[in-house]
């Protein structure tokens, strides 16, 4: 959700350092005689990820920097340059730490009751959401947020071994954000995402007598070393949850919510039913 720009702690950072780092990586790659397609398996990253980093559109993880440094024999240049990187515009300041954890997570769980989770949004729906933002955004700000959202959404395809679980309320579809045609396109996109083997979508129906997440949205993730973290977000702030006891509470709530939501199969059926009625 927090693909934002704005003022104060919501202000984006410059992307110049990312573009410079990407250009330096490209120089060392070409010096070593590799194409992106040849280098990708050596670094154990997708070609799309390499391209995004070289274009300054993606923040390189530590593992990428270390592997590229060794494979490209970069004389310590990449490692040194990475120390001065700042994230690209479009991610709210409070969200950046969570976004960094997302990129290497092996499990990611999201419950939303306000809008469709950002990782599942199509362009038309995301544009409608940003268009509704108060205070209003400029066209450039909307474009920046859309670009940041696109970059995050690559996780679904770039990380096929990461398990993504999404739970959201049926009311979000019935709201028709952006209008009927936008909702049709959104549902088509959700159905496409549901076919990915690493993505599970569950819907909370309109009538649900027991609900484990009445206190609001939440996110959980598991790191490669099997640590769990939580994330809670308000309108203009976010909180990374690291206390194991607090994370455990969120895990219990999410587990209960999964049992209360429609199954993935029934959720797909509901999506098709709603789509057919529009």
C-alpha atoms as a PDB file:
ATOM      1  CA  UNK A   1       0.000   0.000   0.000  1.00  0.00           C
ATOM      2  CA  UNK A   2       2.743   2.426   0.893  1.00  0.00           C
ATOM      3  CA  UNK A   3       4.015   3.246  -2.580  1.00  0.00           C
ATOM      4  CA  UNK A   4       3.926   6.924  -1.736  1.00  0.00           C
ATOM      5  CA  UNK A   5       5.494  10.293  -2.218  1.00  0.00           C
ATOM      6  CA  UNK A   6       4.837  13.456  -0.292  1.00  0.00           C
ATOM      7  CA  UNK A   7       6.347  15.623   2.420  1.00  0.00           C
ATOM      8  CA  UNK A   8       7.943  15.168   5.853  1.00  0.00           C
ATOM      9  CA  UNK A   9       8.540  11.488   6.689  1.00  0.00           C
ATOM     10  CA  UNK A  10       6.620  10.607   3.546  1.00  0.00           C
ATOM     11  CA  UNK A  11       9.203  12.290   1.305  1.00  0.00           C
ATOM     12  CA  UNK A  12      10.970  10.191  -1.321  1.00  0.00           C
ATOM     13  CA  UNK A  13      14.713  10.052  -1.624  1.00  0.00           C
ATOM     14  CA  UNK A  14      16.680  10.845  -4.773  1.00  0.00           C
ATOM     15  CA  UNK A  15      17.138   8.037  -7.299  1.00  0.00           C
ATOM     16  CA  UNK A  16      20.379   9.495  -8.714  1.00  0.00           C
ATOM     17  CA  UNK A  17      22.528   7.132  -6.677  1.00  0.00           C
ATOM     18  CA  UNK A  18      20.600   4.108  -7.955  1.00  0.00           C
ATOM     19  CA  UNK A  19      21.030   5.217 -11.562  1.00  0.00           C
ATOM     20  CA  UNK A  20      24.745   5.806 -11.014  1.00  0.00           C
ATOM     21  CA  UNK A  21      25.201   2.428  -9.343  1.00  0.00           C
ATOM     22  CA  UNK A  22      23.345   0.740 -12.205  1.00  0.00           C
ATOM     23  CA  UNK A  23      25.560   2.446 -14.765  1.00  0.00           C
ATOM     24  CA  UNK A  24      28.690   1.315 -12.917  1.00  0.00           C
ATOM     25  CA  UNK A  25      27.418  -2.290 -12.800  1.00  0.00           C
ATOM     26  CA  UNK A  26      26.762  -2.159 -16.549  1.00  0.00           C
ATOM     27  CA  UNK A  27      30.313  -0.946 -17.226  1.00  0.00           C
ATOM     28  CA  UNK A  28      31.837  -3.778 -15.179  1.00  0.00           C
ATOM     29  CA  UNK A  29      29.485  -6.330 -16.787  1.00  0.00           C
ATOM     30  CA  UNK A  30      30.445  -5.246 -20.295  1.00  0.00           C
ATOM     31  CA  UNK A  31      34.119  -5.109 -19.292  1.00  0.00           C
ATOM     32  CA  UNK A  32      33.829  -8.744 -18.197  1.00  0.00           C
ATOM     33  CA  UNK A  33      32.200  -9.648 -21.511  1.00  0.00           C
ATOM     34  CA  UNK A  34      28.823 -10.763 -20.156  1.00  0.00           C
ATOM     35  CA  UNK A  35      25.353 -10.078 -21.439  1.00  0.00           C
ATOM     36  CA  UNK A  36      22.579  -9.738 -18.838  1.00  0.00           C
ATOM     37  CA  UNK A  37      21.344 -13.183 -19.886  1.00  0.00           C
ATOM     38  CA  UNK A  38      24.793 -14.691 -19.254  1.00  0.00           C
ATOM     39  CA  UNK A  39      25.354 -12.912 -15.954  1.00  0.00           C
ATOM     40  CA  UNK A  40      21.947 -13.610 -14.402  1.00  0.00           C
ATOM     41  CA  UNK A  41      22.529 -17.315 -13.562  1.00  0.00           C
ATOM     42  CA  UNK A  42      25.995 -16.553 -12.197  1.00  0.00           C
ATOM     43  CA  UNK A  43      24.499 -14.054  -9.735  1.00  0.00           C
ATOM     44  CA  UNK A  44      21.434 -16.267  -9.127  1.00  0.00           C
ATOM     45  CA  UNK A  45      19.045 -13.442 -10.028  1.00  0.00           C
ATOM     46  CA  UNK A  46      16.580 -13.107 -12.904  1.00  0.00           C
ATOM     47  CA  UNK A  47      17.415 -11.167 -16.065  1.00  0.00           C
ATOM     48  CA  UNK A  48      14.549  -8.800 -15.211  1.00  0.00           C
ATOM     49  CA  UNK A  49      16.107  -8.023 -11.821  1.00  0.00           C
ATOM     50  CA  UNK A  50      19.515  -7.353 -13.368  1.00  0.00           C
ATOM     51  CA  UNK A  51      17.953  -5.052 -15.929  1.00  0.00           C
ATOM     52  CA  UNK A  52      16.010  -3.154 -13.251  1.00  0.00           C
ATOM     53  CA  UNK A  53      19.171  -2.631 -11.187  1.00  0.00           C
ATOM     54  CA  UNK A  54      21.202  -1.428 -14.173  1.00  0.00           C
ATOM     55  CA  UNK A  55      18.413   0.999 -15.063  1.00  0.00           C
ATOM     56  CA  UNK A  56      18.344   2.380 -11.517  1.00  0.00           C
ATOM     57  CA  UNK A  57      14.802   1.137 -10.912  1.00  0.00           C
ATOM     58  CA  UNK A  58      15.547  -1.450  -8.240  1.00  0.00           C
ATOM     59  CA  UNK A  59      17.479  -1.347  -4.986  1.00  0.00           C
ATOM     60  CA  UNK A  60      20.237  -4.018  -5.058  1.00  0.00           C
ATOM     61  CA  UNK A  61      20.252  -6.363  -2.099  1.00  0.00           C
ATOM     62  CA  UNK A  62      23.469  -7.067  -0.202  1.00  0.00           C
ATOM     63  CA  UNK A  63      23.694 -10.567  -1.718  1.00  0.00           C
ATOM     64  CA  UNK A  64      23.535  -9.091  -5.212  1.00  0.00           C
ATOM     65  CA  UNK A  65      26.290  -6.586  -4.468  1.00  0.00           C
ATOM     66  CA  UNK A  66      28.602  -9.246  -3.008  1.00  0.00           C
ATOM     67  CA  UNK A  67      28.041 -11.711  -5.843  1.00  0.00           C
ATOM     68  CA  UNK A  68      28.440  -9.049  -8.544  1.00  0.00           C
ATOM     69  CA  UNK A  69      31.588  -7.776  -6.849  1.00  0.00           C
ATOM     70  CA  UNK A  70      33.144 -11.259  -6.980  1.00  0.00           C
ATOM     71  CA  UNK A  71      31.915 -12.411 -10.395  1.00  0.00           C
ATOM     72  CA  UNK A  72      32.755  -9.127 -12.146  1.00  0.00           C
ATOM     73  CA  UNK A  73      36.045  -8.642 -10.253  1.00  0.00           C
ATOM     74  CA  UNK A  74      35.060  -5.049  -9.532  1.00  0.00           C
ATOM     75  CA  UNK A  75      38.037  -4.159  -7.301  1.00  0.00           C
ATOM     76  CA  UNK A  76      35.726  -3.261  -4.405  1.00  0.00           C
ATOM     77  CA  UNK A  77      34.026  -0.501  -6.420  1.00  0.00           C
ATOM     78  CA  UNK A  78      30.502  -1.967  -6.260  1.00  0.00           C
ATOM     79  CA  UNK A  79      30.761  -2.709  -2.566  1.00  0.00           C
ATOM     80  CA  UNK A  80      31.926   0.840  -1.862  1.00  0.00           C
ATOM     81  CA  UNK A  81      29.281   2.440  -4.101  1.00  0.00           C
ATOM     82  CA  UNK A  82      26.491   0.442  -2.476  1.00  0.00           C
ATOM     83  CA  UNK A  83      27.154   2.155   0.848  1.00  0.00           C
ATOM     84  CA  UNK A  84      25.829   5.428  -0.553  1.00  0.00           C
ATOM     85  CA  UNK A  85      22.671   4.119  -2.201  1.00  0.00           C
ATOM     86  CA  UNK A  86      19.278   5.563  -1.356  1.00  0.00           C
ATOM     87  CA  UNK A  87      15.966   4.179  -2.475  1.00  0.00           C
ATOM     88  CA  UNK A  88      14.061   5.431  -5.463  1.00  0.00           C
ATOM     89  CA  UNK A  89      11.079   7.762  -5.241  1.00  0.00           C
ATOM     90  CA  UNK A  90       7.650   6.268  -4.727  1.00  0.00           C
ATOM     91  CA  UNK A  91       8.163   4.387  -1.468  1.00  0.00           C
ATOM     92  CA  UNK A  92       7.057   6.115   1.714  1.00  0.00           C
ATOM     93  CA  UNK A  93       9.920   6.679   4.149  1.00  0.00           C
ATOM     94  CA  UNK A  94       8.307   4.523   6.833  1.00  0.00           C
ATOM     95  CA  UNK A  95       7.811   1.659   4.340  1.00  0.00           C
ATOM     96  CA  UNK A  96      11.354   1.331   3.000  1.00  0.00           C
ATOM     97  CA  UNK A  97      12.657  -1.006   5.692  1.00  0.00           C
ATOM     98  CA  UNK A  98       9.731  -3.361   5.155  1.00  0.00           C
ATOM     99  CA  UNK A  99      10.178  -3.166   1.369  1.00  0.00           C
ATOM    100  CA  UNK A 100      13.798  -4.249   1.774  1.00  0.00           C
ATOM    101  CA  UNK A 101      12.706  -7.279   3.823  1.00  0.00           C
ATOM    102  CA  UNK A 102      10.073  -8.139   1.216  1.00  0.00           C
ATOM    103  CA  UNK A 103      12.696  -8.561  -1.485  1.00  0.00           C
ATOM    104  CA  UNK A 104      14.322 -11.565   0.204  1.00  0.00           C
ATOM    105  CA  UNK A 105      11.359 -12.981   2.139  1.00  0.00           C
ATOM    106  CA  UNK A 106      10.507 -16.666   1.724  1.00  0.00           C
ATOM    107  CA  UNK A 107       6.938 -16.164   2.972  1.00  0.00           C
ATOM    108  CA  UNK A 108       4.779 -13.047   2.777  1.00  0.00           C
ATOM    109  CA  UNK A 109       1.269 -12.760   4.242  1.00  0.00           C
ATOM    110  CA  UNK A 110      -1.027  -9.765   3.738  1.00  0.00           C
ATOM    111  CA  UNK A 111      -4.498  -8.939   5.056  1.00  0.00           C
ATOM    112  CA  UNK A 112      -6.250  -5.813   3.769  1.00  0.00           C
ATOM    113  CA  UNK A 113      -9.650  -4.289   4.465  1.00  0.00           C
ATOM    114  CA  UNK A 114      -9.106  -0.833   2.904  1.00  0.00           C
ATOM    115  CA  UNK A 115      -7.978  -1.552  -0.649  1.00  0.00           C
ATOM    116  CA  UNK A 116      -6.638  -4.399  -2.762  1.00  0.00           C
ATOM    117  CA  UNK A 117      -3.026  -5.154  -1.678  1.00  0.00           C
ATOM    118  CA  UNK A 118      -0.491  -3.243  -3.759  1.00  0.00           C
ATOM    119  CA  UNK A 119       1.213  -6.401  -5.026  1.00  0.00           C
ATOM    120  CA  UNK A 120      -2.094  -7.484  -6.602  1.00  0.00           C
ATOM    121  CA  UNK A 121      -3.208  -4.179  -8.120  1.00  0.00           C
ATOM    122  CA  UNK A 122      -3.438  -3.637 -11.874  1.00  0.00           C
ATOM    123  CA  UNK A 123      -2.588  -0.271 -13.440  1.00  0.00           C
ATOM    124  CA  UNK A 124      -6.138   1.006 -13.772  1.00  0.00           C
ATOM    125  CA  UNK A 125      -7.032   0.238 -10.159  1.00  0.00           C
ATOM    126  CA  UNK A 126      -3.766   1.678  -8.826  1.00  0.00           C
ATOM    127  CA  UNK A 127      -4.287   4.832 -10.866  1.00  0.00           C
ATOM    128  CA  UNK A 128      -7.825   5.160  -9.462  1.00  0.00           C
ATOM    129  CA  UNK A 129      -6.477   4.790  -5.922  1.00  0.00           C
ATOM    130  CA  UNK A 130      -3.799   7.426  -6.448  1.00  0.00           C
ATOM    131  CA  UNK A 131      -6.295   9.703  -8.200  1.00  0.00           C
ATOM    132  CA  UNK A 132      -8.440   9.592  -5.032  1.00  0.00           C
ATOM    133  CA  UNK A 133      -5.586  10.607  -2.744  1.00  0.00           C
ATOM    134  CA  UNK A 134      -6.107  13.699  -0.592  1.00  0.00           C
ATOM    135  CA  UNK A 135      -4.333  16.144  -0.876  1.00  0.00           C
ATOM    136  CA  UNK A 136      -4.390  15.595  -4.670  1.00  0.00           C
ATOM    137  CA  UNK A 137      -1.255  14.338  -6.390  1.00  0.00           C
ATOM    138  CA  UNK A 138       0.389  15.805  -9.466  1.00  0.00           C
ATOM    139  CA  UNK A 139       0.621  13.727 -12.648  1.00  0.00           C
ATOM    140  CA  UNK A 140       4.355  13.246 -11.989  1.00  0.00           C
ATOM    141  CA  UNK A 141       3.685  12.013  -8.453  1.00  0.00           C
ATOM    142  CA  UNK A 142       1.116   9.523  -9.714  1.00  0.00           C
ATOM    143  CA  UNK A 143       3.546   8.291 -12.360  1.00  0.00           C
ATOM    144  CA  UNK A 144       6.256   7.882  -9.706  1.00  0.00           C
ATOM    145  CA  UNK A 145       3.960   5.872  -7.453  1.00  0.00           C
ATOM    146  CA  UNK A 146       2.870   3.654 -10.326  1.00  0.00           C
ATOM    147  CA  UNK A 147       6.512   2.975 -11.224  1.00  0.00           C
ATOM    148  CA  UNK A 148       7.298   2.026  -7.618  1.00  0.00           C
ATOM    149  CA  UNK A 149       4.281  -0.274  -7.525  1.00  0.00           C
ATOM    150  CA  UNK A 150       5.337  -1.974 -10.747  1.00  0.00           C
ATOM    151  CA  UNK A 151       8.766  -2.594  -9.296  1.00  0.00           C
ATOM    152  CA  UNK A 152       7.366  -4.207  -6.146  1.00  0.00           C
ATOM    153  CA  UNK A 153       4.968  -6.360  -8.132  1.00  0.00           C
ATOM    154  CA  UNK A 154       7.891  -8.061  -9.863  1.00  0.00           C
ATOM    155  CA  UNK A 155       8.350 -10.010  -6.624  1.00  0.00           C
ATOM    156  CA  UNK A 156       5.451 -12.290  -7.594  1.00  0.00           C
ATOM    157  CA  UNK A 157       7.287 -13.373 -10.734  1.00  0.00           C
ATOM    158  CA  UNK A 158      10.936 -12.869  -9.742  1.00  0.00           C
ATOM    159  CA  UNK A 159      10.623 -14.971  -6.586  1.00  0.00           C
ATOM    160  CA  UNK A 160       8.704 -18.148  -7.555  1.00  0.00           C
ATOM    161  CA  UNK A 161       9.936 -19.912  -4.405  1.00  0.00           C
ATOM    162  CA  UNK A 162       8.417 -17.272  -2.120  1.00  0.00           C
ATOM    163  CA  UNK A 163       4.964 -18.173  -0.784  1.00  0.00           C
ATOM    164  CA  UNK A 164       2.540 -15.237  -1.068  1.00  0.00           C
ATOM    165  CA  UNK A 165      -0.723 -15.309   0.881  1.00  0.00           C
ATOM    166  CA  UNK A 166      -3.303 -12.560   0.413  1.00  0.00           C
ATOM    167  CA  UNK A 167      -6.581 -12.121   2.283  1.00  0.00           C
ATOM    168  CA  UNK A 168      -8.914  -9.215   1.574  1.00  0.00           C
ATOM    169  CA  UNK A 169     -12.545  -8.244   1.999  1.00  0.00           C
ATOM    170  CA  UNK A 170     -15.189  -8.820  -0.679  1.00  0.00           C
ATOM    171  CA  UNK A 171     -16.392  -5.270   0.031  1.00  0.00           C
ATOM    172  CA  UNK A 172     -13.272  -3.942  -1.709  1.00  0.00           C
ATOM    173  CA  UNK A 173     -14.571  -5.359  -4.989  1.00  0.00           C
ATOM    174  CA  UNK A 174     -18.160  -4.271  -4.396  1.00  0.00           C
ATOM    175  CA  UNK A 175     -16.951  -0.703  -3.866  1.00  0.00           C
ATOM    176  CA  UNK A 176     -16.123  -0.460  -7.609  1.00  0.00           C
ATOM    177  CA  UNK A 177     -13.158   1.856  -7.074  1.00  0.00           C
ATOM    178  CA  UNK A 178     -12.570   3.642 -10.364  1.00  0.00           C
ATOM    179  CA  UNK A 179     -15.819   2.395 -11.875  1.00  0.00           C
ATOM    180  CA  UNK A 180     -17.207  -0.831 -13.306  1.00  0.00           C
ATOM    181  CA  UNK A 181     -14.673  -1.226 -16.128  1.00  0.00           C
ATOM    182  CA  UNK A 182     -11.778  -0.750 -13.730  1.00  0.00           C
ATOM    183  CA  UNK A 183     -13.270  -3.390 -11.429  1.00  0.00           C
ATOM    184  CA  UNK A 184     -13.652  -5.836 -14.324  1.00  0.00           C
ATOM    185  CA  UNK A 185     -10.007  -5.392 -15.287  1.00  0.00           C
ATOM    186  CA  UNK A 186      -8.962  -5.719 -11.639  1.00  0.00           C
ATOM    187  CA  UNK A 187     -10.792  -9.018 -11.222  1.00  0.00           C
ATOM    188  CA  UNK A 188      -9.266 -10.348 -14.457  1.00  0.00           C
ATOM    189  CA  UNK A 189      -5.842  -9.441 -13.049  1.00  0.00           C
ATOM    190  CA  UNK A 190      -6.601 -11.120  -9.705  1.00  0.00           C
ATOM    191  CA  UNK A 191      -7.652 -14.287 -11.512  1.00  0.00           C
ATOM    192  CA  UNK A 192      -4.393 -14.213 -13.460  1.00  0.00           C
ATOM    193  CA  UNK A 193      -2.374 -13.791 -10.252  1.00  0.00           C
ATOM    194  CA  UNK A 194      -4.284 -16.643  -8.609  1.00  0.00           C
ATOM    195  CA  UNK A 195      -2.908 -19.001 -11.261  1.00  0.00           C
ATOM    196  CA  UNK A 196       0.670 -18.431 -10.080  1.00  0.00           C
ATOM    197  CA  UNK A 197       1.733 -21.470  -8.076  1.00  0.00           C
ATOM    198  CA  UNK A 198       3.309 -19.312  -5.360  1.00  0.00           C
ATOM    199  CA  UNK A 199       0.257 -17.053  -4.861  1.00  0.00           C
ATOM    200  CA  UNK A 200      -2.774 -17.836  -2.702  1.00  0.00           C
ATOM    201  CA  UNK A 201      -5.757 -15.464  -2.659  1.00  0.00           C
ATOM    202  CA  UNK A 202      -8.564 -15.723  -0.111  1.00  0.00           C
ATOM    203  CA  UNK A 203     -11.590 -13.491   0.266  1.00  0.00           C
ATOM    204  CA  UNK A 204     -13.571 -12.609   3.381  1.00  0.00           C
ATOM    205  CA  UNK A 205     -17.249 -12.661   2.316  1.00  0.00           C
ATOM    206  CA  UNK A 206     -19.614  -9.796   3.054  1.00  0.00           C
ATOM    207  CA  UNK A 207     -21.324 -11.784   5.795  1.00  0.00           C
ATOM    208  CA  UNK A 208     -18.768 -13.068   8.287  1.00  0.00           C
ATOM    209  CA  UNK A 209     -19.950 -13.478  11.879  1.00  0.00           C
ATOM    210  CA  UNK A 210     -16.486 -14.224  13.306  1.00  0.00           C
ATOM    211  CA  UNK A 211     -13.517 -12.125  12.216  1.00  0.00           C
ATOM    212  CA  UNK A 212     -10.004 -12.374  13.675  1.00  0.00           C
ATOM    213  CA  UNK A 213      -8.686  -9.114  12.223  1.00  0.00           C
ATOM    214  CA  UNK A 214     -11.182  -6.492  13.297  1.00  0.00           C
ATOM    215  CA  UNK A 215      -8.290  -4.302  14.454  1.00  0.00           C
ATOM    216  CA  UNK A 216      -7.223  -3.670  10.877  1.00  0.00           C
ATOM    217  CA  UNK A 217      -4.717  -4.601   8.148  1.00  0.00           C
ATOM    218  CA  UNK A 218      -1.511  -6.493   8.840  1.00  0.00           C
ATOM    219  CA  UNK A 219       1.439  -8.010   7.058  1.00  0.00           C
ATOM    220  CA  UNK A 220       3.806 -10.780   8.062  1.00  0.00           C
ATOM    221  CA  UNK A 221       6.947 -12.151   6.454  1.00  0.00           C
ATOM    222  CA  UNK A 222       9.567 -14.830   7.034  1.00  0.00           C
ATOM    223  CA  UNK A 223      13.219 -14.116   6.251  1.00  0.00           C
ATOM    224  CA  UNK A 224      15.640 -16.615   4.672  1.00  0.00           C
ATOM    225  CA  UNK A 225      16.996 -17.363   8.162  1.00  0.00           C
ATOM    226  CA  UNK A 226      13.436 -18.102   9.358  1.00  0.00           C
ATOM    227  CA  UNK A 227      12.852 -14.955  11.377  1.00  0.00           C
ATOM    228  CA  UNK A 228       9.325 -13.513  11.344  1.00  0.00           C
ATOM    229  CA  UNK A 229       8.446  -9.830  11.266  1.00  0.00           C
ATOM    230  CA  UNK A 230       5.162  -7.931  11.164  1.00  0.00           C
ATOM    231  CA  UNK A 231       4.116  -4.627   9.703  1.00  0.00           C
ATOM    232  CA  UNK A 232       1.162  -2.379  10.586  1.00  0.00           C
ATOM    233  CA  UNK A 233       0.282   0.754   8.660  1.00  0.00           C
ATOM    234  CA  UNK A 234      -1.878   3.783   9.329  1.00  0.00           C
ATOM    235  CA  UNK A 235      -2.792   6.611   7.017  1.00  0.00           C
ATOM    236  CA  UNK A 236       0.530   8.447   7.317  1.00  0.00           C
ATOM    237  CA  UNK A 237       2.722   6.122   9.359  1.00  0.00           C
ATOM    238  CA  UNK A 238       3.884   2.544   9.545  1.00  0.00           C
ATOM    239  CA  UNK A 239       5.311   0.292  12.249  1.00  0.00           C
ATOM    240  CA  UNK A 240       7.739  -2.582  11.800  1.00  0.00           C
ATOM    241  CA  UNK A 241       7.018  -5.243  14.438  1.00  0.00           C
ATOM    242  CA  UNK A 242      10.109  -7.119  15.615  1.00  0.00           C
ATOM    243  CA  UNK A 243       9.118  -8.214  19.144  1.00  0.00           C
ATOM    244  CA  UNK A 244       8.573 -12.007  18.890  1.00  0.00           C
ATOM    245  CA  UNK A 245       5.610 -11.849  21.282  1.00  0.00           C
ATOM    246  CA  UNK A 246       3.844  -9.195  19.206  1.00  0.00           C
ATOM    247  CA  UNK A 247       4.660 -11.013  15.979  1.00  0.00           C
ATOM    248  CA  UNK A 248       3.191 -14.177  17.507  1.00  0.00           C
ATOM    249  CA  UNK A 249      -0.095 -12.364  18.156  1.00  0.00           C
ATOM    250  CA  UNK A 250      -0.267 -11.313  14.511  1.00  0.00           C
ATOM    251  CA  UNK A 251       0.559 -14.855  13.388  1.00  0.00           C
ATOM    252  CA  UNK A 252      -2.261 -16.266  15.481  1.00  0.00           C
ATOM    253  CA  UNK A 253      -4.705 -13.739  14.075  1.00  0.00           C
ATOM    254  CA  UNK A 254      -3.630 -14.390  10.518  1.00  0.00           C
ATOM    255  CA  UNK A 255      -3.857 -18.150  10.951  1.00  0.00           C
ATOM    256  CA  UNK A 256      -7.378 -17.790  12.329  1.00  0.00           C
ATOM    257  CA  UNK A 257      -8.308 -15.440   9.502  1.00  0.00           C
ATOM    258  CA  UNK A 258      -7.176 -17.987   6.907  1.00  0.00           C
ATOM    259  CA  UNK A 259      -9.583 -20.505   8.389  1.00  0.00           C
ATOM    260  CA  UNK A 260     -12.419 -17.938   8.370  1.00  0.00           C
ATOM    261  CA  UNK A 261     -11.890 -16.743   4.795  1.00  0.00           C
ATOM    262  CA  UNK A 262     -13.142 -18.584   1.753  1.00  0.00           C
ATOM    263  CA  UNK A 263     -10.755 -21.243   0.465  1.00  0.00           C
ATOM    264  CA  UNK A 264      -8.564 -20.237  -2.489  1.00  0.00           C
ATOM    265  CA  UNK A 265     -10.775 -22.321  -4.773  1.00  0.00           C
ATOM    266  CA  UNK A 266     -14.006 -20.775  -3.460  1.00  0.00           C
ATOM    267  CA  UNK A 267     -12.402 -17.329  -3.635  1.00  0.00           C
ATOM    268  CA  UNK A 268     -11.644 -17.824  -7.331  1.00  0.00           C
ATOM    269  CA  UNK A 269     -15.237 -18.930  -7.869  1.00  0.00           C
ATOM    270  CA  UNK A 270     -16.483 -15.792  -6.118  1.00  0.00           C
ATOM    271  CA  UNK A 271     -14.226 -13.610  -8.257  1.00  0.00           C
ATOM    272  CA  UNK A 272     -15.662 -15.182 -11.401  1.00  0.00           C
ATOM    273  CA  UNK A 273     -19.196 -14.767 -10.047  1.00  0.00           C
ATOM    274  CA  UNK A 274     -18.659 -11.077  -9.302  1.00  0.00           C
ATOM    275  CA  UNK A 275     -16.993 -10.579 -12.696  1.00  0.00           C
ATOM    276  CA  UNK A 276     -19.903 -12.204 -14.488  1.00  0.00           C
ATOM    277  CA  UNK A 277     -22.428  -9.991 -12.705  1.00  0.00           C
ATOM    278  CA  UNK A 278     -20.748  -6.727 -13.749  1.00  0.00           C
END
